[in-house]
Amino acid sequence: MSRLAMRKMKDNQSGTIRSVKVGGELGRRIRDMGLVPGTYIRIQGRAPLYDPVALRVKGFTLTLRNNEAEHIEVEV
């Protein structure tokens, strides 16, 4: 399996979050949304200009900006 930033994942690609590589307020906010290591996610789609990205996590749809998704490492 390979690891890559969530930002680089393609539509309908899925994987497991391995790390959140940012601290401070942004890191806390990402973790508060349920995006913690060990969580299974699937990329649902992207806006026409590829920002934001929509993903399925724990039974709901969540959108993230690309600059936020860049800090989340996923094993696909």
Protein backbone atom coordinates (compact mmCIF):
# COMPACT_ATOMS: atom_id res chain seq x y z
CA MET A 1 0.00 0.00 0.00
CA SER A 2 1.11 3.54 -0.63
CA ARG A 3 0.76 6.72 1.38
CA LEU A 4 -0.15 10.10 -0.03
CA ALA A 5 -1.71 13.38 0.96
CA MET A 6 -5.51 13.35 0.91
CA ARG A 7 -5.35 16.27 -1.53
CA LYS A 8 -3.79 13.99 -4.17
CA MET A 9 -6.41 11.24 -3.96
CA LYS A 10 -8.73 10.68 -6.91
CA ASP A 11 -12.54 10.48 -6.94
CA ASN A 12 -13.92 7.23 -5.45
CA GLN A 13 -10.49 6.34 -4.07
CA SER A 14 -10.52 5.17 -0.46
CA GLY A 15 -8.03 4.63 2.29
CA THR A 16 -7.22 4.90 5.98
CA ILE A 17 -5.88 8.05 7.62
CA ARG A 18 -2.38 7.39 8.96
CA SER A 19 -1.42 10.84 10.31
CA VAL A 20 -2.45 14.47 10.60
CA LYS A 21 0.71 16.48 10.03
CA VAL A 22 -0.31 19.85 11.43
CA GLY A 23 -0.69 21.18 14.92
CA GLY A 24 -2.29 24.21 16.48
CA GLU A 25 -5.80 25.39 15.71
CA LEU A 26 -5.98 23.75 12.26
CA GLY A 27 -4.81 20.37 13.59
CA ARG A 28 -7.33 20.50 16.43
CA ARG A 29 -10.15 21.42 14.04
CA ILE A 30 -9.27 18.55 11.66
CA ARG A 31 -9.25 16.08 14.55
CA ASP A 32 -12.52 17.48 15.93
CA MET A 33 -14.17 16.65 12.58
CA GLY A 34 -13.31 12.98 13.18
CA LEU A 35 -10.31 12.85 10.87
CA VAL A 36 -7.97 10.94 13.16
CA PRO A 37 -5.47 8.14 12.44
CA GLY A 38 -7.20 4.81 11.77
CA THR A 39 -10.32 6.36 10.23
CA TYR A 40 -11.51 4.94 6.88
CA ILE A 41 -12.41 7.60 4.27
CA ARG A 42 -13.53 7.68 0.62
CA ILE A 43 -13.22 10.63 -1.74
CA GLN A 44 -16.73 11.38 -3.00
CA GLY A 45 -15.95 14.17 -5.46
CA ARG A 46 -14.52 17.61 -6.07
CA ALA A 47 -15.82 21.01 -7.00
CA PRO A 48 -15.33 22.08 -10.64
CA LEU A 49 -12.07 23.89 -9.83
CA TYR A 50 -10.91 20.93 -7.63
CA ASP A 51 -11.33 22.82 -4.36
CA PRO A 52 -12.96 21.80 -2.00
CA VAL A 53 -12.88 18.01 -1.86
CA ALA A 54 -15.90 16.05 -0.56
CA LEU A 55 -15.29 12.85 1.36
CA ARG A 56 -17.33 10.19 3.16
CA VAL A 57 -16.26 9.53 6.70
CA LYS A 58 -18.14 7.69 9.47
CA GLY A 59 -21.42 7.75 7.53
CA PHE A 60 -21.50 11.44 6.63
CA THR A 61 -20.16 13.73 3.91
CA LEU A 62 -17.50 16.27 4.81
CA THR A 63 -15.81 18.90 2.66
CA LEU A 64 -12.26 20.15 3.12
CA ARG A 65 -10.24 22.78 1.36
CA ASN A 66 -7.17 21.49 -0.45
CA ASN A 67 -4.86 23.38 1.92
CA GLU A 68 -6.46 21.44 4.82
CA ALA A 69 -6.41 18.08 2.99
CA GLU A 70 -2.69 18.55 2.27
CA HIS A 71 -1.88 17.91 5.96
CA ILE A 72 -3.67 14.53 6.13
CA GLU A 73 -1.66 11.46 5.12
CA VAL A 74 -3.72 8.51 3.87
CA GLU A 75 -2.74 4.91 3.13
CA VAL A 76 -4.57 3.80 -0.02
